[in-house]
């Protein structure tokens, strides 16, 4: 994963940021929230990134903060929520507001964002409400696997294997109950359970 990109901002629009890093320009899709936080063109800029790969298409998404990226990653873990819809939601309200809205179970506010219907809004609240209710206003933990706690590494690995957010949390809770603490053991346990 490309964790972040730092360099000279050579172009920006409400939907895209282009950052030159030593002669290599990275183009990333961004939310309006991120756009508002970018410096002027020609200035030094940094965005936190998430590379999305589908079939033969590679798309880089950029975020003003780790928190915004984390909320994006949680949103795209929901069936029916792709990266473009998650970015639309993050353009409609800041990441902290998205998290608080979901934690409060306010599906109506989510439905107010274009492209989010009743089914998707209800699914987002159902699958992420508990997780977001327990998170702080700060980005909870590093999603980088190097040096990350075993639970975080296991969660990322299981997510990359296609398990839903609900399946992952149930499996991790069950592994904790049995005092399973090693990354590999948590992953094996979760795969046996799902």
C-alpha atoms as a PDB file:
ATOM      1  CA  UNK A   1       0.000   0.000   0.000  1.00  0.00           C
ATOM      2  CA  UNK A   2       1.123   3.545  -0.677  1.00  0.00           C
ATOM      3  CA  UNK A   3       0.706   5.052   2.791  1.00  0.00           C
ATOM      4  CA  UNK A   4       1.128   8.700   1.875  1.00  0.00           C
ATOM      5  CA  UNK A   5       2.479  10.991  -0.811  1.00  0.00           C
ATOM      6  CA  UNK A   6       4.477  14.132  -0.022  1.00  0.00           C
ATOM      7  CA  UNK A   7       5.838  16.554  -2.563  1.00  0.00           C
ATOM      8  CA  UNK A   8       4.992  19.665  -4.560  1.00  0.00           C
ATOM      9  CA  UNK A   9       1.319  20.175  -5.331  1.00  0.00           C
ATOM     10  CA  UNK A  10       1.260  20.716  -9.113  1.00  0.00           C
ATOM     11  CA  UNK A  11      -2.467  20.614  -9.674  1.00  0.00           C
ATOM     12  CA  UNK A  12      -5.730  20.410  -7.800  1.00  0.00           C
ATOM     13  CA  UNK A  13      -9.453  20.411  -8.431  1.00  0.00           C
ATOM     14  CA  UNK A  14     -12.378  19.559  -6.157  1.00  0.00           C
ATOM     15  CA  UNK A  15     -12.039  15.938  -7.288  1.00  0.00           C
ATOM     16  CA  UNK A  16      -8.276  15.460  -7.767  1.00  0.00           C
ATOM     17  CA  UNK A  17      -4.873  16.351  -6.363  1.00  0.00           C
ATOM     18  CA  UNK A  18      -1.636  15.920  -8.315  1.00  0.00           C
ATOM     19  CA  UNK A  19       1.563  15.797  -6.283  1.00  0.00           C
ATOM     20  CA  UNK A  20       5.026  15.709  -7.842  1.00  0.00           C
ATOM     21  CA  UNK A  21       7.463  13.567  -5.866  1.00  0.00           C
ATOM     22  CA  UNK A  22      10.952  13.951  -7.327  1.00  0.00           C
ATOM     23  CA  UNK A  23       9.706  14.000 -10.912  1.00  0.00           C
ATOM     24  CA  UNK A  24       6.965  11.392 -10.509  1.00  0.00           C
ATOM     25  CA  UNK A  25       3.468  12.873 -10.367  1.00  0.00           C
ATOM     26  CA  UNK A  26       0.821  11.028  -8.356  1.00  0.00           C
ATOM     27  CA  UNK A  27      -2.804  11.768  -9.205  1.00  0.00           C
ATOM     28  CA  UNK A  28      -5.299  10.988  -6.444  1.00  0.00           C
ATOM     29  CA  UNK A  29      -9.060  11.282  -6.256  1.00  0.00           C
ATOM     30  CA  UNK A  30     -10.007  13.403  -3.250  1.00  0.00           C
ATOM     31  CA  UNK A  31     -13.030  14.556  -1.277  1.00  0.00           C
ATOM     32  CA  UNK A  32     -14.133  18.184  -1.059  1.00  0.00           C
ATOM     33  CA  UNK A  33     -12.987  18.127   2.568  1.00  0.00           C
ATOM     34  CA  UNK A  34      -9.460  17.253   1.461  1.00  0.00           C
ATOM     35  CA  UNK A  35      -9.585  19.822  -1.335  1.00  0.00           C
ATOM     36  CA  UNK A  36     -10.429  22.556   1.182  1.00  0.00           C
ATOM     37  CA  UNK A  37      -7.372  21.609   3.260  1.00  0.00           C
ATOM     38  CA  UNK A  38      -4.840  21.512   0.407  1.00  0.00           C
ATOM     39  CA  UNK A  39      -2.350  24.385   0.152  1.00  0.00           C
ATOM     40  CA  UNK A  40      -2.008  26.491  -2.984  1.00  0.00           C
ATOM     41  CA  UNK A  41      -0.527  24.965  -6.148  1.00  0.00           C
ATOM     42  CA  UNK A  42       3.276  25.053  -6.017  1.00  0.00           C
ATOM     43  CA  UNK A  43       3.397  24.475  -2.249  1.00  0.00           C
ATOM     44  CA  UNK A  44       4.596  21.395  -0.359  1.00  0.00           C
ATOM     45  CA  UNK A  45       1.670  19.041   0.309  1.00  0.00           C
ATOM     46  CA  UNK A  46       1.029  15.637   1.835  1.00  0.00           C
ATOM     47  CA  UNK A  47      -1.956  13.366   1.468  1.00  0.00           C
ATOM     48  CA  UNK A  48      -2.663  10.002   3.101  1.00  0.00           C
ATOM     49  CA  UNK A  49      -3.529   7.485   0.429  1.00  0.00           C
ATOM     50  CA  UNK A  50      -5.370   4.275  -0.339  1.00  0.00           C
ATOM     51  CA  UNK A  51      -4.704   2.377  -3.569  1.00  0.00           C
ATOM     52  CA  UNK A  52      -7.820   0.662  -4.872  1.00  0.00           C
ATOM     53  CA  UNK A  53      -7.288  -2.178  -7.337  1.00  0.00           C
ATOM     54  CA  UNK A  54     -10.112  -3.685  -9.359  1.00  0.00           C
ATOM     55  CA  UNK A  55      -9.459  -5.989 -12.311  1.00  0.00           C
ATOM     56  CA  UNK A  56      -6.980  -4.008 -14.427  1.00  0.00           C
ATOM     57  CA  UNK A  57      -7.801  -0.606 -12.959  1.00  0.00           C
ATOM     58  CA  UNK A  58      -5.663   1.094 -10.315  1.00  0.00           C
ATOM     59  CA  UNK A  59      -7.043   4.169  -8.582  1.00  0.00           C
ATOM     60  CA  UNK A  60      -5.332   6.211  -5.895  1.00  0.00           C
ATOM     61  CA  UNK A  61      -7.493   7.998  -3.343  1.00  0.00           C
ATOM     62  CA  UNK A  62      -6.059  10.807  -1.204  1.00  0.00           C
ATOM     63  CA  UNK A  63      -7.088  12.199   2.167  1.00  0.00           C
ATOM     64  CA  UNK A  64      -6.160  15.213   4.267  1.00  0.00           C
ATOM     65  CA  UNK A  65      -5.794  13.072   7.408  1.00  0.00           C
ATOM     66  CA  UNK A  66      -5.332   9.513   8.552  1.00  0.00           C
ATOM     67  CA  UNK A  67      -8.738   9.760  10.205  1.00  0.00           C
ATOM     68  CA  UNK A  68     -10.457  10.512   6.908  1.00  0.00           C
ATOM     69  CA  UNK A  69      -8.639   7.595   5.273  1.00  0.00           C
ATOM     70  CA  UNK A  70      -9.655   5.266   8.123  1.00  0.00           C
ATOM     71  CA  UNK A  71     -13.327   6.238   7.802  1.00  0.00           C
ATOM     72  CA  UNK A  72     -13.070   5.711   4.010  1.00  0.00           C
ATOM     73  CA  UNK A  73     -11.589   2.232   4.526  1.00  0.00           C
ATOM     74  CA  UNK A  74     -14.341   1.313   6.977  1.00  0.00           C
ATOM     75  CA  UNK A  75     -17.010   2.544   4.571  1.00  0.00           C
ATOM     76  CA  UNK A  76     -15.700   0.551   1.606  1.00  0.00           C
ATOM     77  CA  UNK A  77     -15.684  -2.593   3.749  1.00  0.00           C
ATOM     78  CA  UNK A  78     -19.505  -2.459   3.608  1.00  0.00           C
ATOM     79  CA  UNK A  79     -21.173  -4.433   0.821  1.00  0.00           C
ATOM     80  CA  UNK A  80     -22.650  -1.983  -1.672  1.00  0.00           C
ATOM     81  CA  UNK A  81     -20.346   0.904  -0.733  1.00  0.00           C
ATOM     82  CA  UNK A  82     -17.609   1.399  -3.288  1.00  0.00           C
ATOM     83  CA  UNK A  83     -14.792   3.930  -3.168  1.00  0.00           C
ATOM     84  CA  UNK A  84     -16.660   6.537  -5.196  1.00  0.00           C
ATOM     85  CA  UNK A  85     -19.712   6.418  -2.933  1.00  0.00           C
ATOM     86  CA  UNK A  86     -17.498   6.561   0.184  1.00  0.00           C
ATOM     87  CA  UNK A  87     -15.706   9.589  -1.277  1.00  0.00           C
ATOM     88  CA  UNK A  88     -19.065  11.219  -2.026  1.00  0.00           C
ATOM     89  CA  UNK A  89     -20.093  10.751   1.602  1.00  0.00           C
ATOM     90  CA  UNK A  90     -16.790  12.223   2.822  1.00  0.00           C
ATOM     91  CA  UNK A  91     -17.329  15.153   0.459  1.00  0.00           C
ATOM     92  CA  UNK A  92     -20.728  15.749   2.010  1.00  0.00           C
ATOM     93  CA  UNK A  93     -19.428  15.959   5.570  1.00  0.00           C
ATOM     94  CA  UNK A  94     -16.061  15.776   7.387  1.00  0.00           C
ATOM     95  CA  UNK A  95     -14.846  12.357   8.569  1.00  0.00           C
ATOM     96  CA  UNK A  96     -15.580  13.146  12.213  1.00  0.00           C
ATOM     97  CA  UNK A  97     -19.185  14.085  11.345  1.00  0.00           C
ATOM     98  CA  UNK A  98     -19.566  10.886   9.305  1.00  0.00           C
ATOM     99  CA  UNK A  99     -18.348   8.836  12.260  1.00  0.00           C
ATOM    100  CA  UNK A 100     -20.631  10.646  14.749  1.00  0.00           C
ATOM    101  CA  UNK A 101     -23.645  10.357  12.419  1.00  0.00           C
ATOM    102  CA  UNK A 102     -23.133   6.612  12.023  1.00  0.00           C
ATOM    103  CA  UNK A 103     -22.477   6.115  15.749  1.00  0.00           C
ATOM    104  CA  UNK A 104     -25.709   7.977  16.541  1.00  0.00           C
ATOM    105  CA  UNK A 105     -27.610   5.705  14.127  1.00  0.00           C
ATOM    106  CA  UNK A 106     -28.750   8.698  12.063  1.00  0.00           C
ATOM    107  CA  UNK A 107     -29.455   6.926   8.751  1.00  0.00           C
ATOM    108  CA  UNK A 108     -31.652   9.852   7.661  1.00  0.00           C
ATOM    109  CA  UNK A 109     -28.651  12.200   7.611  1.00  0.00           C
ATOM    110  CA  UNK A 110     -26.686   9.677   5.530  1.00  0.00           C
ATOM    111  CA  UNK A 111     -29.592   9.433   3.056  1.00  0.00           C
ATOM    112  CA  UNK A 112     -29.371  13.196   2.549  1.00  0.00           C
ATOM    113  CA  UNK A 113     -26.072  12.625   0.695  1.00  0.00           C
ATOM    114  CA  UNK A 114     -26.657  12.088  -3.025  1.00  0.00           C
ATOM    115  CA  UNK A 115     -26.251   8.459  -4.054  1.00  0.00           C
ATOM    116  CA  UNK A 116     -26.993   6.952  -0.636  1.00  0.00           C
ATOM    117  CA  UNK A 117     -30.367   5.263  -0.475  1.00  0.00           C
ATOM    118  CA  UNK A 118     -32.256   3.906   2.508  1.00  0.00           C
ATOM    119  CA  UNK A 119     -30.851   0.353   2.206  1.00  0.00           C
ATOM    120  CA  UNK A 120     -27.219   1.477   2.050  1.00  0.00           C
ATOM    121  CA  UNK A 121     -27.675   4.039   4.848  1.00  0.00           C
ATOM    122  CA  UNK A 122     -29.253   1.399   7.100  1.00  0.00           C
ATOM    123  CA  UNK A 123     -26.504  -1.117   6.269  1.00  0.00           C
ATOM    124  CA  UNK A 124     -23.767   1.424   7.062  1.00  0.00           C
ATOM    125  CA  UNK A 125     -25.357   2.250  10.432  1.00  0.00           C
ATOM    126  CA  UNK A 126     -25.889  -1.426  11.240  1.00  0.00           C
ATOM    127  CA  UNK A 127     -22.356  -2.562  10.378  1.00  0.00           C
ATOM    128  CA  UNK A 128     -20.344   0.439  11.578  1.00  0.00           C
ATOM    129  CA  UNK A 129     -22.485   1.962  14.328  1.00  0.00           C
ATOM    130  CA  UNK A 130     -20.989  -0.076  17.155  1.00  0.00           C
ATOM    131  CA  UNK A 131     -17.422   0.324  15.899  1.00  0.00           C
ATOM    132  CA  UNK A 132     -17.733   4.088  15.437  1.00  0.00           C
ATOM    133  CA  UNK A 133     -19.518   4.520  18.763  1.00  0.00           C
ATOM    134  CA  UNK A 134     -16.416   3.154  20.477  1.00  0.00           C
ATOM    135  CA  UNK A 135     -13.919   5.260  18.536  1.00  0.00           C
ATOM    136  CA  UNK A 136     -12.577   8.603  19.645  1.00  0.00           C
ATOM    137  CA  UNK A 137     -12.552  11.819  17.641  1.00  0.00           C
ATOM    138  CA  UNK A 138      -8.964  11.061  16.736  1.00  0.00           C
ATOM    139  CA  UNK A 139      -7.841   8.480  14.215  1.00  0.00           C
ATOM    140  CA  UNK A 140      -7.789   5.351  16.398  1.00  0.00           C
ATOM    141  CA  UNK A 141      -4.639   3.480  15.383  1.00  0.00           C
ATOM    142  CA  UNK A 142      -2.137   3.220  12.587  1.00  0.00           C
ATOM    143  CA  UNK A 143      -3.325   1.060   9.710  1.00  0.00           C
ATOM    144  CA  UNK A 144       0.260   0.485   8.651  1.00  0.00           C
ATOM    145  CA  UNK A 145       1.076  -3.128   9.377  1.00  0.00           C
ATOM    146  CA  UNK A 146       4.669  -2.538  10.412  1.00  0.00           C
ATOM    147  CA  UNK A 147       4.777  -2.359  14.188  1.00  0.00           C
ATOM    148  CA  UNK A 148       0.971  -2.325  14.426  1.00  0.00           C
ATOM    149  CA  UNK A 149      -0.724  -4.358  17.145  1.00  0.00           C
ATOM    150  CA  UNK A 150      -1.648  -7.918  16.201  1.00  0.00           C
ATOM    151  CA  UNK A 151      -5.378  -7.157  16.145  1.00  0.00           C
ATOM    152  CA  UNK A 152      -4.890  -4.340  13.630  1.00  0.00           C
ATOM    153  CA  UNK A 153      -2.662  -6.452  11.415  1.00  0.00           C
ATOM    154  CA  UNK A 154      -5.160  -9.315  11.547  1.00  0.00           C
ATOM    155  CA  UNK A 155      -8.083  -6.974  10.801  1.00  0.00           C
ATOM    156  CA  UNK A 156      -6.291  -5.598   7.716  1.00  0.00           C
ATOM    157  CA  UNK A 157      -5.355  -9.067   6.498  1.00  0.00           C
ATOM    158  CA  UNK A 158      -8.908 -10.363   6.922  1.00  0.00           C
ATOM    159  CA  UNK A 159     -10.288  -7.284   5.186  1.00  0.00           C
ATOM    160  CA  UNK A 160      -7.968  -7.904   2.230  1.00  0.00           C
ATOM    161  CA  UNK A 161      -9.222 -11.503   2.123  1.00  0.00           C
ATOM    162  CA  UNK A 162     -12.756 -10.225   1.590  1.00  0.00           C
ATOM    163  CA  UNK A 163     -14.369 -10.726   4.987  1.00  0.00           C
ATOM    164  CA  UNK A 164     -17.015  -8.189   5.923  1.00  0.00           C
ATOM    165  CA  UNK A 165     -16.526  -5.793   8.813  1.00  0.00           C
ATOM    166  CA  UNK A 166     -19.107  -7.682  10.875  1.00  0.00           C
ATOM    167  CA  UNK A 167     -17.446 -11.071  10.222  1.00  0.00           C
ATOM    168  CA  UNK A 168     -14.040  -9.645  11.122  1.00  0.00           C
ATOM    169  CA  UNK A 169     -15.206  -8.139  14.417  1.00  0.00           C
ATOM    170  CA  UNK A 170     -17.057 -11.317  15.452  1.00  0.00           C
ATOM    171  CA  UNK A 171     -14.002 -13.445  14.650  1.00  0.00           C
ATOM    172  CA  UNK A 172     -11.611 -11.138  16.481  1.00  0.00           C
ATOM    173  CA  UNK A 173     -13.875 -11.005  19.545  1.00  0.00           C
ATOM    174  CA  UNK A 174     -14.064 -14.818  19.550  1.00  0.00           C
ATOM    175  CA  UNK A 175     -10.269 -15.089  19.178  1.00  0.00           C
ATOM    176  CA  UNK A 176      -9.735 -12.685  22.086  1.00  0.00           C
ATOM    177  CA  UNK A 177     -12.126 -14.742  24.235  1.00  0.00           C
ATOM    178  CA  UNK A 178      -9.859 -17.727  23.646  1.00  0.00           C
ATOM    179  CA  UNK A 179      -6.690 -15.678  24.373  1.00  0.00           C
ATOM    180  CA  UNK A 180      -5.406 -15.981  20.805  1.00  0.00           C
ATOM    181  CA  UNK A 181      -2.980 -13.086  20.352  1.00  0.00           C
ATOM    182  CA  UNK A 182      -0.598 -13.863  17.469  1.00  0.00           C
ATOM    183  CA  UNK A 183      -1.483 -12.364  14.067  1.00  0.00           C
ATOM    184  CA  UNK A 184      -1.248 -15.645  12.165  1.00  0.00           C
ATOM    185  CA  UNK A 185      -3.306 -17.489  14.781  1.00  0.00           C
ATOM    186  CA  UNK A 186      -6.022 -14.827  14.771  1.00  0.00           C
ATOM    187  CA  UNK A 187      -6.237 -15.007  10.961  1.00  0.00           C
ATOM    188  CA  UNK A 188      -6.375 -18.827  10.952  1.00  0.00           C
ATOM    189  CA  UNK A 189      -9.008 -18.791  13.681  1.00  0.00           C
ATOM    190  CA  UNK A 190     -11.119 -16.242  11.802  1.00  0.00           C
ATOM    191  CA  UNK A 191     -10.903 -18.157   8.526  1.00  0.00           C
ATOM    192  CA  UNK A 192     -12.015 -21.370  10.249  1.00  0.00           C
ATOM    193  CA  UNK A 193     -14.984 -19.539  11.799  1.00  0.00           C
ATOM    194  CA  UNK A 194     -16.182 -17.807   8.624  1.00  0.00           C
END
